[in-house]
């Protein structure tokens, strides 16, 4: 059974336009020997719809979004979690529910369907953080804007449900470092050392701002 066909049953277009995940990470810490059918059924319980809808990230007076994050769904021992990540959140993010369903299918394909079979997570919108990181005119003492928020979808066992990998898994920094290095080498030839040290400094700021935001919640 093709996970994309099983999960994307609400889509009239057999080949919907959907960007590949920014980053997918599979690891035994997110679960191993997960039951594939249980993961597919859990993912299929995610909201349907091909139009973008607001997903609320924090309470906002007078604003009622149809969906709210985080989301955690399970079938048996397989959990699907959708969470926001980043230094500070806007009131909501607009995402087509079908994109999250397809993101779940792709994560299942890349992680659960492989041998050895692991859980893992994928990111959606990680590219939002690139513009501030690459803006050499930006004051590094200024906090990163809410527009840098991105989403993670995790397929895991119960021990990793709602584990917020976008804010806690070190592999995110590796993904950012790789993408940042490739972009910066193309846009700032001869500035690899500057790019590396600037990136590491900004990553430290991201960690500190995230910790502060979590302490405030």
N, C-alpha and C. Protein backbone atom coordinates (compact mmCIF):
# COMPACT_ATOMS: atom_id res chain seq x y z
N UNK A 1 0.84 -1.20 0.00
CA UNK A 1 0.00 0.00 0.00
C UNK A 1 0.87 1.25 0.00
N UNK A 2 0.62 2.13 -0.95
CA UNK A 2 1.38 3.37 -1.06
C UNK A 2 0.88 4.35 0.00
N UNK A 3 1.75 4.81 0.94
CA UNK A 3 1.28 5.75 1.97
C UNK A 3 0.68 7.01 1.39
N UNK A 4 1.22 7.50 0.27
CA UNK A 4 0.69 8.73 -0.31
C UNK A 4 -0.75 8.53 -0.78
N UNK A 5 -1.06 7.37 -1.39
CA UNK A 5 -2.42 7.11 -1.85
C UNK A 5 -3.35 6.86 -0.67
N UNK A 6 -2.87 6.18 0.35
CA UNK A 6 -3.71 5.84 1.50
C UNK A 6 -4.12 7.09 2.26
N UNK A 7 -3.18 8.03 2.46
CA UNK A 7 -3.43 9.18 3.31
C UNK A 7 -4.08 10.32 2.54
N UNK A 8 -3.72 10.50 1.27
CA UNK A 8 -4.21 11.65 0.51
C UNK A 8 -5.53 11.35 -0.18
N UNK A 9 -6.44 10.67 0.53
CA UNK A 9 -7.69 10.26 -0.09
C UNK A 9 -8.64 11.42 -0.34
N UNK A 10 -8.41 12.57 0.31
CA UNK A 10 -9.32 13.70 0.14
C UNK A 10 -8.91 14.61 -1.00
N UNK A 11 -7.84 14.27 -1.71
CA UNK A 11 -7.33 15.15 -2.76
C UNK A 11 -7.87 14.72 -4.12
N UNK A 12 -8.42 15.69 -4.86
CA UNK A 12 -8.93 15.37 -6.18
C UNK A 12 -7.81 15.30 -7.21
N UNK A 13 -6.73 16.04 -6.98
CA UNK A 13 -5.58 16.02 -7.88
C UNK A 13 -4.70 14.83 -7.51
N UNK A 14 -4.48 13.87 -8.42
CA UNK A 14 -3.68 12.68 -8.07
C UNK A 14 -2.22 13.00 -7.81
N UNK A 15 -1.76 14.17 -8.26
CA UNK A 15 -0.36 14.55 -8.03
C UNK A 15 -0.33 15.99 -7.52
N UNK A 16 -0.77 16.22 -6.26
CA UNK A 16 -0.86 17.59 -5.74
C UNK A 16 0.52 18.23 -5.63
N UNK A 17 0.54 19.54 -5.86
CA UNK A 17 1.80 20.27 -5.72
C UNK A 17 2.16 20.35 -4.24
N UNK A 18 3.27 19.78 -3.89
CA UNK A 18 3.69 19.76 -2.49
C UNK A 18 5.21 19.77 -2.44
N UNK A 19 5.81 20.74 -1.75
CA UNK A 19 7.27 20.75 -1.68
C UNK A 19 7.77 19.61 -0.81
N UNK A 20 8.88 19.05 -1.19
CA UNK A 20 9.51 18.03 -0.36
C UNK A 20 9.80 18.62 1.03
N UNK A 21 9.78 17.80 2.07
CA UNK A 21 10.13 18.32 3.39
C UNK A 21 11.51 18.99 3.35
N UNK A 22 11.66 20.06 4.14
CA UNK A 22 12.97 20.70 4.21
C UNK A 22 14.02 19.72 4.69
N UNK A 23 13.59 18.84 5.62
CA UNK A 23 14.55 17.98 6.30
C UNK A 23 13.78 16.83 6.93
N UNK A 24 14.29 15.62 6.78
CA UNK A 24 13.72 14.44 7.44
C UNK A 24 14.83 13.72 8.20
N UNK A 25 14.54 13.37 9.43
CA UNK A 25 15.53 12.70 10.28
C UNK A 25 14.89 11.45 10.86
N UNK A 26 15.51 10.30 10.65
CA UNK A 26 15.03 9.02 11.16
C UNK A 26 16.01 8.49 12.20
N UNK A 27 15.50 8.02 13.32
CA UNK A 27 16.41 7.55 14.37
C UNK A 27 15.65 6.61 15.30
N UNK A 28 16.38 5.63 15.86
CA UNK A 28 15.76 4.66 16.76
C UNK A 28 15.19 5.30 18.01
N UNK A 29 15.70 6.49 18.38
CA UNK A 29 15.19 7.15 19.58
C UNK A 29 13.73 7.55 19.42
N UNK A 30 13.25 7.64 18.16
CA UNK A 30 11.86 7.99 17.91
C UNK A 30 10.96 6.75 17.78
N UNK A 31 11.54 5.62 18.03
CA UNK A 31 10.79 4.37 17.97
C UNK A 31 11.38 3.43 16.93
N UNK A 32 11.23 2.15 17.16
CA UNK A 32 11.70 1.16 16.18
C UNK A 32 10.66 0.05 16.09
N UNK A 33 10.62 -0.58 14.95
CA UNK A 33 9.63 -1.62 14.66
C UNK A 33 8.21 -1.12 14.87
N UNK A 34 7.96 0.13 14.47
CA UNK A 34 6.60 0.65 14.52
C UNK A 34 5.74 -0.10 13.51
N UNK A 35 4.47 -0.28 13.84
CA UNK A 35 3.55 -0.99 12.95
C UNK A 35 3.10 -0.02 11.87
N UNK A 36 3.45 -0.33 10.63
CA UNK A 36 3.21 0.58 9.52
C UNK A 36 1.74 0.95 9.38
N UNK A 37 0.86 -0.05 9.45
CA UNK A 37 -0.57 0.22 9.28
C UNK A 37 -1.09 1.13 10.38
N UNK A 38 -0.61 0.96 11.60
CA UNK A 38 -1.02 1.84 12.70
C UNK A 38 -0.59 3.28 12.42
N UNK A 39 0.62 3.45 11.91
CA UNK A 39 1.10 4.80 11.59
C UNK A 39 0.26 5.44 10.49
N UNK A 40 -0.09 4.65 9.46
CA UNK A 40 -0.92 5.16 8.38
C UNK A 40 -2.30 5.56 8.89
N UNK A 41 -2.88 4.74 9.76
CA UNK A 41 -4.20 5.04 10.29
C UNK A 41 -4.17 6.27 11.19
N UNK A 42 -3.11 6.43 11.96
CA UNK A 42 -2.99 7.63 12.81
C UNK A 42 -2.85 8.87 11.94
N UNK A 43 -2.04 8.78 10.88
CA UNK A 43 -1.86 9.93 9.99
C UNK A 43 -3.16 10.25 9.25
N UNK A 44 -3.94 9.23 8.93
CA UNK A 44 -5.18 9.44 8.21
C UNK A 44 -6.24 10.12 9.07
N UNK A 45 -6.01 10.18 10.38
CA UNK A 45 -6.94 10.88 11.28
C UNK A 45 -6.65 12.38 11.34
N UNK A 46 -5.57 12.84 10.69
CA UNK A 46 -5.29 14.27 10.63
C UNK A 46 -6.39 14.97 9.84
N UNK A 47 -6.59 16.29 10.08
CA UNK A 47 -7.64 17.01 9.35
C UNK A 47 -7.48 16.92 7.84
N UNK A 48 -8.61 16.97 7.13
CA UNK A 48 -8.63 16.95 5.67
C UNK A 48 -8.76 18.37 5.14
N UNK A 49 -8.40 18.55 3.88
CA UNK A 49 -8.64 19.81 3.19
C UNK A 49 -7.43 20.28 2.42
N UNK A 50 -7.66 20.79 1.21
CA UNK A 50 -6.55 21.25 0.37
C UNK A 50 -6.36 22.76 0.41
N UNK A 51 -7.27 23.49 1.09
CA UNK A 51 -7.12 24.93 1.25
C UNK A 51 -6.41 25.25 2.56
N UNK A 52 -5.64 26.32 2.57
CA UNK A 52 -4.90 26.70 3.78
C UNK A 52 -5.87 27.19 4.85
N UNK A 53 -5.68 26.69 6.07
CA UNK A 53 -6.46 27.10 7.23
C UNK A 53 -5.52 27.54 8.33
N UNK A 54 -5.97 28.47 9.20
CA UNK A 54 -5.11 28.87 10.32
C UNK A 54 -5.09 27.80 11.41
N UNK A 55 -3.89 27.51 11.86
CA UNK A 55 -3.67 26.65 13.04
C UNK A 55 -3.18 27.56 14.16
N UNK A 56 -3.96 27.69 15.22
CA UNK A 56 -3.60 28.59 16.31
C UNK A 56 -2.40 28.04 17.07
N UNK A 57 -1.47 28.94 17.41
CA UNK A 57 -0.27 28.55 18.16
C UNK A 57 -0.29 29.06 19.59
N UNK A 58 -1.08 30.08 19.85
CA UNK A 58 -1.19 30.62 21.21
C UNK A 58 -2.54 31.33 21.34
N UNK A 59 -3.07 31.40 22.56
CA UNK A 59 -4.37 32.06 22.75
C UNK A 59 -4.31 33.53 22.35
N UNK A 60 -5.26 33.97 21.57
CA UNK A 60 -5.35 35.36 21.14
C UNK A 60 -6.80 35.82 21.29
N UNK A 61 -7.06 36.84 22.12
CA UNK A 61 -8.44 37.31 22.31
C UNK A 61 -9.09 37.70 20.98
N UNK A 62 -10.31 37.23 20.79
CA UNK A 62 -11.06 37.58 19.59
C UNK A 62 -10.70 36.79 18.35
N UNK A 63 -9.78 35.84 18.47
CA UNK A 63 -9.36 35.06 17.31
C UNK A 63 -9.62 33.58 17.59
N UNK A 64 -10.48 32.99 16.78
CA UNK A 64 -10.82 31.58 16.93
C UNK A 64 -10.43 30.83 15.66
N UNK A 65 -9.36 30.09 15.73
CA UNK A 65 -8.90 29.31 14.58
C UNK A 65 -9.59 27.95 14.57
N UNK A 66 -9.81 27.38 13.39
CA UNK A 66 -10.47 26.07 13.31
C UNK A 66 -9.61 24.94 13.85
N UNK A 67 -8.29 25.12 13.84
CA UNK A 67 -7.38 24.09 14.34
C UNK A 67 -6.40 24.72 15.32
N UNK A 68 -5.80 23.87 16.13
CA UNK A 68 -4.83 24.35 17.11
C UNK A 68 -3.65 23.37 17.16
N UNK A 69 -2.45 23.92 17.31
CA UNK A 69 -1.26 23.10 17.51
C UNK A 69 -0.79 23.26 18.95
N UNK A 70 -0.21 22.22 19.53
CA UNK A 70 0.19 20.96 18.89
C UNK A 70 -0.97 19.99 18.72
N UNK A 71 -0.75 19.03 17.80
CA UNK A 71 -1.67 17.93 17.56
C UNK A 71 -0.95 16.63 17.90
N UNK A 72 -1.63 15.73 18.57
CA UNK A 72 -1.07 14.40 18.83
C UNK A 72 -2.17 13.37 18.61
N UNK A 73 -1.94 12.45 17.68
CA UNK A 73 -2.89 11.40 17.36
C UNK A 73 -2.16 10.06 17.40
N UNK A 74 -2.86 9.03 17.78
CA UNK A 74 -2.20 7.72 17.77
C UNK A 74 -3.17 6.62 17.39
N UNK A 75 -2.58 5.57 16.87
CA UNK A 75 -3.27 4.31 16.64
C UNK A 75 -2.36 3.23 17.18
N UNK A 76 -2.80 2.54 18.21
CA UNK A 76 -1.93 1.57 18.85
C UNK A 76 -0.70 2.25 19.42
N UNK A 77 0.47 1.77 19.05
CA UNK A 77 1.71 2.32 19.58
C UNK A 77 2.38 3.34 18.68
N UNK A 78 1.72 3.77 17.60
CA UNK A 78 2.31 4.75 16.69
C UNK A 78 1.62 6.10 16.88
N UNK A 79 2.43 7.13 17.11
CA UNK A 79 1.93 8.49 17.37
C UNK A 79 2.35 9.43 16.25
N UNK A 80 1.43 10.29 15.85
CA UNK A 80 1.69 11.37 14.90
C UNK A 80 1.55 12.68 15.66
N UNK A 81 2.61 13.47 15.70
CA UNK A 81 2.59 14.75 16.41
C UNK A 81 2.94 15.87 15.44
N UNK A 82 2.19 16.95 15.50
CA UNK A 82 2.47 18.15 14.70
C UNK A 82 2.67 19.30 15.67
N UNK A 83 3.84 19.96 15.58
CA UNK A 83 4.18 21.02 16.52
C UNK A 83 4.84 22.19 15.79
N UNK A 84 4.75 23.34 16.40
CA UNK A 84 5.47 24.52 15.90
C UNK A 84 6.82 24.61 16.59
N UNK A 85 7.78 25.23 15.92
CA UNK A 85 9.12 25.41 16.49
C UNK A 85 9.65 26.77 16.08
N UNK A 86 10.57 27.28 16.87
CA UNK A 86 11.16 28.58 16.59
C UNK A 86 11.22 29.43 17.83
N UNK A 87 11.90 30.57 17.74
CA UNK A 87 12.14 31.40 18.92
C UNK A 87 10.89 32.09 19.46
N UNK A 88 9.97 32.49 18.58
CA UNK A 88 8.71 33.09 19.05
C UNK A 88 7.64 32.87 18.00
N UNK A 89 6.41 32.69 18.48
CA UNK A 89 5.33 32.29 17.59
C UNK A 89 4.40 33.45 17.24
N UNK A 90 3.87 33.46 16.01
CA UNK A 90 2.75 34.33 15.69
C UNK A 90 1.48 33.74 16.29
N UNK A 91 0.35 34.44 16.22
CA UNK A 91 -0.89 33.85 16.75
C UNK A 91 -1.27 32.54 16.06
N UNK A 92 -0.97 32.43 14.75
CA UNK A 92 -1.35 31.24 14.00
C UNK A 92 -0.48 31.11 12.76
N UNK A 93 -0.46 29.92 12.19
CA UNK A 93 0.19 29.70 10.89
C UNK A 93 -0.86 29.13 9.95
N UNK A 94 -0.79 29.51 8.68
CA UNK A 94 -1.74 29.03 7.67
C UNK A 94 -1.12 27.87 6.90
N UNK A 95 -1.75 26.73 6.97
CA UNK A 95 -1.23 25.51 6.34
C UNK A 95 -2.41 24.72 5.76
N UNK A 96 -2.29 24.24 4.53
CA UNK A 96 -3.32 23.31 4.03
C UNK A 96 -3.24 21.99 4.80
N UNK A 97 -4.33 21.52 5.39
CA UNK A 97 -4.28 20.24 6.10
C UNK A 97 -3.72 19.10 5.25
N UNK A 98 -3.99 19.14 3.94
CA UNK A 98 -3.48 18.08 3.07
C UNK A 98 -1.97 18.04 3.05
N UNK A 99 -1.31 19.20 3.26
CA UNK A 99 0.15 19.22 3.30
C UNK A 99 0.66 18.45 4.50
N UNK A 100 -0.02 18.58 5.64
CA UNK A 100 0.42 17.85 6.82
C UNK A 100 0.19 16.35 6.65
N UNK A 101 -0.91 15.98 5.99
CA UNK A 101 -1.17 14.57 5.74
C UNK A 101 -0.11 13.98 4.81
N UNK A 102 0.26 14.73 3.77
CA UNK A 102 1.30 14.25 2.86
C UNK A 102 2.66 14.24 3.55
N UNK A 103 2.90 15.19 4.42
CA UNK A 103 4.16 15.20 5.17
C UNK A 103 4.25 13.95 6.04
N UNK A 104 3.14 13.54 6.63
CA UNK A 104 3.12 12.31 7.41
C UNK A 104 3.42 11.10 6.53
N UNK A 105 2.82 11.06 5.33
CA UNK A 105 3.05 9.94 4.42
C UNK A 105 4.51 9.86 4.02
N UNK A 106 5.12 11.01 3.73
CA UNK A 106 6.52 11.02 3.32
C UNK A 106 7.42 10.58 4.47
N UNK A 107 7.11 11.01 5.70
CA UNK A 107 7.92 10.61 6.85
C UNK A 107 7.81 9.11 7.08
N UNK A 108 6.61 8.56 6.91
CA UNK A 108 6.42 7.12 7.04
C UNK A 108 7.22 6.39 5.97
N UNK A 109 7.18 6.90 4.74
CA UNK A 109 7.95 6.28 3.66
C UNK A 109 9.44 6.27 3.96
N UNK A 110 9.95 7.41 4.43
CA UNK A 110 11.40 7.55 4.61
C UNK A 110 11.93 6.89 5.87
N UNK A 111 11.08 6.72 6.87
CA UNK A 111 11.56 6.20 8.15
C UNK A 111 10.97 4.82 8.48
N UNK A 112 9.65 4.73 8.58
CA UNK A 112 9.01 3.48 9.02
C UNK A 112 9.15 2.39 7.97
N UNK A 113 9.09 2.76 6.67
CA UNK A 113 9.15 1.76 5.61
C UNK A 113 10.56 1.23 5.35
N UNK A 114 11.57 1.85 5.92
CA UNK A 114 12.94 1.42 5.69
C UNK A 114 13.30 0.26 6.61
N UNK A 115 14.40 -0.38 6.30
CA UNK A 115 14.93 -1.43 7.16
C UNK A 115 16.36 -1.09 7.52
N UNK A 116 16.71 -0.92 8.80
CA UNK A 116 15.81 -1.07 9.93
C UNK A 116 14.75 0.02 9.98
N UNK A 117 13.60 -0.31 10.57
CA UNK A 117 12.46 0.59 10.62
C UNK A 117 12.54 1.46 11.88
N UNK A 118 12.59 2.78 11.67
CA UNK A 118 12.65 3.72 12.79
C UNK A 118 11.50 4.72 12.68
N UNK A 119 11.29 5.45 13.78
CA UNK A 119 10.46 6.63 13.72
C UNK A 119 11.31 7.80 13.27
N UNK A 120 10.71 8.99 13.26
CA UNK A 120 11.47 10.16 12.86
C UNK A 120 10.57 11.37 12.71
N UNK A 121 11.14 12.43 12.17
CA UNK A 121 10.34 13.64 11.97
C UNK A 121 10.77 14.35 10.69
N UNK A 122 9.87 15.18 10.17
CA UNK A 122 10.15 16.03 9.02
C UNK A 122 9.78 17.47 9.37
N UNK A 123 10.45 18.41 8.71
CA UNK A 123 10.15 19.82 8.94
C UNK A 123 9.38 20.39 7.77
N UNK A 124 8.56 21.39 8.05
CA UNK A 124 7.77 22.10 7.05
C UNK A 124 7.96 23.59 7.29
N UNK A 125 8.57 24.28 6.33
CA UNK A 125 8.78 25.72 6.47
C UNK A 125 10.08 26.09 7.15
N UNK A 126 11.03 25.16 7.23
CA UNK A 126 12.33 25.47 7.83
C UNK A 126 13.03 26.58 7.05
N UNK A 127 12.70 26.71 5.77
CA UNK A 127 13.32 27.74 4.94
C UNK A 127 12.95 29.15 5.41
N UNK A 128 11.90 29.28 6.22
CA UNK A 128 11.51 30.61 6.70
C UNK A 128 12.61 31.28 7.51
N UNK A 129 13.49 30.47 8.06
CA UNK A 129 14.51 31.03 8.94
C UNK A 129 15.73 31.51 8.15
N UNK A 130 15.80 31.16 6.85
CA UNK A 130 17.01 31.48 6.08
C UNK A 130 17.19 32.97 5.84
N UNK A 131 16.11 33.67 5.50
CA UNK A 131 16.26 35.09 5.18
C UNK A 131 16.88 35.87 6.34
N UNK A 132 16.37 35.74 7.58
CA UNK A 132 17.02 36.44 8.69
C UNK A 132 18.46 35.99 8.92
N UNK A 133 18.72 34.69 8.72
CA UNK A 133 20.09 34.20 8.94
C UNK A 133 21.06 34.77 7.91
N UNK A 134 20.57 34.97 6.68
CA UNK A 134 21.44 35.42 5.60
C UNK A 134 21.47 36.93 5.44
N UNK A 135 20.68 37.64 6.23
CA UNK A 135 20.62 39.09 6.12
C UNK A 135 21.80 39.71 6.89
N UNK A 136 22.86 40.09 6.16
CA UNK A 136 24.06 40.61 6.81
C UNK A 136 23.82 41.98 7.43
N UNK A 137 22.74 42.66 7.02
CA UNK A 137 22.45 43.98 7.59
C UNK A 137 21.66 43.89 8.88
N UNK A 138 21.23 42.69 9.23
CA UNK A 138 20.41 42.52 10.43
C UNK A 138 21.24 42.65 11.68
N UNK A 139 20.71 43.36 12.67
CA UNK A 139 21.36 43.50 13.96
C UNK A 139 21.21 42.18 14.72
N UNK A 140 22.33 41.51 15.00
CA UNK A 140 22.28 40.22 15.66
C UNK A 140 21.74 40.30 17.08
N UNK A 141 21.65 41.51 17.64
CA UNK A 141 21.08 41.66 18.97
C UNK A 141 19.56 41.72 18.93
N UNK A 142 19.00 41.85 17.73
CA UNK A 142 17.55 41.87 17.60
C UNK A 142 17.02 40.44 17.60
N UNK A 143 15.89 40.19 18.27
CA UNK A 143 15.33 38.83 18.27
C UNK A 143 14.84 38.45 16.87
N UNK A 144 14.86 37.17 16.59
CA UNK A 144 14.34 36.69 15.31
C UNK A 144 12.82 36.89 15.28
N UNK A 145 12.27 37.24 14.13
CA UNK A 145 10.85 37.55 14.05
C UNK A 145 9.97 36.30 14.10
N UNK A 146 8.68 36.47 14.41
CA UNK A 146 7.76 35.32 14.43
C UNK A 146 7.65 34.62 13.08
N UNK A 147 7.99 35.32 12.00
CA UNK A 147 7.89 34.71 10.67
C UNK A 147 8.86 33.55 10.49
N UNK A 148 9.81 33.36 11.42
CA UNK A 148 10.75 32.25 11.32
C UNK A 148 10.17 30.94 11.88
N UNK A 149 8.93 30.96 12.33
CA UNK A 149 8.30 29.75 12.85
C UNK A 149 8.20 28.68 11.75
N UNK A 150 8.50 27.45 12.11
CA UNK A 150 8.32 26.33 11.19
C UNK A 150 7.63 25.20 11.94
N UNK A 151 7.21 24.16 11.21
CA UNK A 151 6.48 23.05 11.80
C UNK A 151 7.30 21.77 11.72
N UNK A 152 7.04 20.89 12.68
CA UNK A 152 7.60 19.55 12.61
C UNK A 152 6.47 18.54 12.70
N UNK A 153 6.59 17.46 11.94
CA UNK A 153 5.66 16.34 12.05
C UNK A 153 6.48 15.11 12.43
N UNK A 154 6.11 14.52 13.55
CA UNK A 154 6.87 13.40 14.11
C UNK A 154 6.05 12.13 14.04
N UNK A 155 6.68 11.05 13.59
CA UNK A 155 6.10 9.71 13.64
C UNK A 155 6.92 8.93 14.66
N UNK A 156 6.30 8.49 15.75
CA UNK A 156 7.11 7.95 16.85
C UNK A 156 6.33 6.97 17.71
N UNK A 157 7.06 6.37 18.64
CA UNK A 157 6.44 5.64 19.72
C UNK A 157 5.96 6.61 20.79
N UNK A 158 5.31 6.11 21.85
CA UNK A 158 4.73 7.00 22.86
C UNK A 158 5.76 7.84 23.61
N UNK A 159 7.01 7.37 23.70
CA UNK A 159 8.01 8.10 24.48
C UNK A 159 8.44 9.39 23.80
N UNK A 160 8.19 9.53 22.51
CA UNK A 160 8.61 10.73 21.79
C UNK A 160 7.45 11.56 21.27
N UNK A 161 6.24 11.29 21.73
CA UNK A 161 5.12 12.10 21.27
C UNK A 161 5.27 13.51 21.85
N UNK A 162 4.97 14.51 21.03
CA UNK A 162 5.06 15.91 21.44
C UNK A 162 6.42 16.22 22.08
N UNK A 163 7.49 15.74 21.43
CA UNK A 163 8.84 15.96 21.96
C UNK A 163 9.48 17.24 21.42
N UNK A 164 8.77 17.96 20.56
CA UNK A 164 9.24 19.25 20.00
C UNK A 164 10.63 19.14 19.40
N UNK A 165 10.83 18.26 18.40
CA UNK A 165 12.17 18.09 17.84
C UNK A 165 12.72 19.35 17.18
N UNK A 166 11.84 20.23 16.69
CA UNK A 166 12.32 21.46 16.08
C UNK A 166 13.06 22.36 17.04
N UNK A 167 12.76 22.22 18.33
CA UNK A 167 13.42 23.04 19.35
C UNK A 167 14.44 22.26 20.16
N UNK A 168 14.43 20.93 20.07
CA UNK A 168 15.26 20.13 20.97
C UNK A 168 16.23 19.18 20.29
N UNK A 169 15.95 18.76 19.05
CA UNK A 169 16.81 17.75 18.42
C UNK A 169 18.02 18.43 17.77
N UNK A 170 19.24 18.01 18.14
CA UNK A 170 20.44 18.64 17.56
C UNK A 170 20.55 18.52 16.05
N UNK A 171 19.84 17.54 15.46
CA UNK A 171 19.93 17.37 14.01
C UNK A 171 19.37 18.59 13.28
N UNK A 172 18.51 19.38 13.92
CA UNK A 172 17.98 20.60 13.29
C UNK A 172 19.13 21.57 13.02
N UNK A 173 20.03 21.72 13.97
CA UNK A 173 21.17 22.61 13.76
C UNK A 173 22.04 22.12 12.61
N UNK A 174 22.20 20.80 12.51
CA UNK A 174 22.98 20.25 11.40
C UNK A 174 22.31 20.56 10.07
N UNK A 175 20.98 20.40 10.02
CA UNK A 175 20.25 20.70 8.78
C UNK A 175 20.39 22.17 8.41
N UNK A 176 20.25 23.05 9.40
CA UNK A 176 20.40 24.48 9.14
C UNK A 176 21.82 24.81 8.69
N UNK A 177 22.79 24.19 9.35
CA UNK A 177 24.19 24.46 9.01
C UNK A 177 24.49 24.06 7.57
N UNK A 178 24.00 22.89 7.17
CA UNK A 178 24.25 22.42 5.81
C UNK A 178 23.59 23.33 4.78
N UNK A 179 22.31 23.64 5.00
CA UNK A 179 21.60 24.48 4.04
C UNK A 179 22.16 25.89 4.04
N UNK A 180 22.48 26.40 5.21
CA UNK A 180 23.02 27.76 5.32
C UNK A 180 24.37 27.85 4.63
N UNK A 181 25.20 26.84 4.81
CA UNK A 181 26.54 26.85 4.22
C UNK A 181 26.44 26.84 2.70
N UNK A 182 25.56 25.98 2.15
CA UNK A 182 25.43 25.91 0.70
C UNK A 182 24.93 27.22 0.13
N UNK A 183 23.94 27.84 0.78
CA UNK A 183 23.41 29.10 0.27
C UNK A 183 24.43 30.22 0.41
N UNK A 184 25.09 30.25 1.57
CA UNK A 184 26.01 31.35 1.81
C UNK A 184 27.23 31.26 0.91
N UNK A 185 27.67 30.05 0.58
CA UNK A 185 28.82 29.91 -0.31
C UNK A 185 28.47 30.41 -1.70
N UNK A 186 27.20 30.20 -2.09
CA UNK A 186 26.80 30.67 -3.40
C UNK A 186 26.61 32.18 -3.44
N UNK A 187 26.15 32.77 -2.33
CA UNK A 187 25.82 34.19 -2.32
C UNK A 187 26.96 35.06 -1.79
N UNK A 188 27.86 34.44 -1.03
CA UNK A 188 28.95 35.22 -0.44
C UNK A 188 30.26 34.45 -0.66
N UNK A 189 30.66 34.33 -1.91
CA UNK A 189 31.86 33.59 -2.24
C UNK A 189 33.05 34.13 -1.48
N UNK A 190 33.83 33.21 -0.94
CA UNK A 190 35.03 33.61 -0.21
C UNK A 190 34.77 33.98 1.23
N UNK A 191 33.50 33.82 1.71
CA UNK A 191 33.17 34.22 3.08
C UNK A 191 32.76 33.02 3.92
N UNK A 192 33.32 31.86 3.64
CA UNK A 192 32.89 30.65 4.34
C UNK A 192 33.13 30.77 5.84
N UNK A 193 34.29 31.32 6.24
CA UNK A 193 34.56 31.45 7.68
C UNK A 193 33.55 32.38 8.33
N UNK A 194 33.29 33.53 7.65
CA UNK A 194 32.28 34.45 8.19
C UNK A 194 30.94 33.75 8.33
N UNK A 195 30.55 32.99 7.29
CA UNK A 195 29.26 32.31 7.31
C UNK A 195 29.16 31.34 8.48
N UNK A 196 30.24 30.56 8.69
CA UNK A 196 30.21 29.56 9.74
C UNK A 196 30.06 30.20 11.11
N UNK A 197 30.89 31.19 11.39
CA UNK A 197 30.84 31.79 12.72
C UNK A 197 29.57 32.61 12.93
N UNK A 198 29.08 33.25 11.88
CA UNK A 198 27.82 33.97 12.00
C UNK A 198 26.69 33.00 12.27
N UNK A 199 26.69 31.89 11.52
CA UNK A 199 25.64 30.90 11.71
C UNK A 199 25.66 30.34 13.13
N UNK A 200 26.83 29.98 13.64
CA UNK A 200 26.91 29.41 14.97
C UNK A 200 26.44 30.41 16.02
N UNK A 201 26.79 31.69 15.83
CA UNK A 201 26.33 32.71 16.76
C UNK A 201 24.82 32.84 16.74
N UNK A 202 24.21 32.79 15.54
CA UNK A 202 22.76 32.90 15.43
C UNK A 202 22.07 31.66 16.00
N UNK A 203 22.68 30.49 15.83
CA UNK A 203 22.10 29.27 16.40
C UNK A 203 22.06 29.37 17.93
N UNK A 204 23.11 29.91 18.49
CA UNK A 204 23.13 30.09 19.95
C UNK A 204 22.00 31.04 20.36
N UNK A 205 21.76 32.09 19.57
CA UNK A 205 20.68 33.02 19.88
C UNK A 205 19.33 32.32 19.75
N UNK A 206 19.17 31.47 18.74
CA UNK A 206 17.91 30.74 18.58
C UNK A 206 17.65 29.89 19.80
N UNK A 207 18.68 29.15 20.26
CA UNK A 207 18.52 28.30 21.44
C UNK A 207 18.13 29.13 22.66
N UNK A 208 18.81 30.26 22.86
CA UNK A 208 18.56 31.08 24.03
C UNK A 208 17.15 31.68 23.98
N UNK A 209 16.73 32.16 22.79
CA UNK A 209 15.41 32.76 22.67
C UNK A 209 14.32 31.71 22.85
N UNK A 210 14.55 30.50 22.34
CA UNK A 210 13.58 29.43 22.50
C UNK A 210 13.44 29.06 23.97
N UNK A 211 14.57 28.96 24.67
CA UNK A 211 14.53 28.63 26.10
C UNK A 211 13.76 29.69 26.88
N UNK A 212 13.98 30.95 26.53
CA UNK A 212 13.28 32.03 27.21
C UNK A 212 11.78 31.96 26.95
N UNK A 213 11.41 31.70 25.67
CA UNK A 213 9.98 31.60 25.35
C UNK A 213 9.34 30.44 26.09
N UNK A 214 10.03 29.29 26.15
CA UNK A 214 9.46 28.13 26.84
C UNK A 214 9.32 28.40 28.33
N UNK A 215 10.24 29.15 28.91
CA UNK A 215 10.15 29.48 30.33
C UNK A 215 8.96 30.38 30.60
N UNK A 216 8.58 31.17 29.58
CA UNK A 216 7.49 32.12 29.77
C UNK A 216 6.12 31.47 29.64
N UNK A 217 6.08 30.27 29.03
CA UNK A 217 4.79 29.63 28.79
C UNK A 217 4.22 29.06 30.09
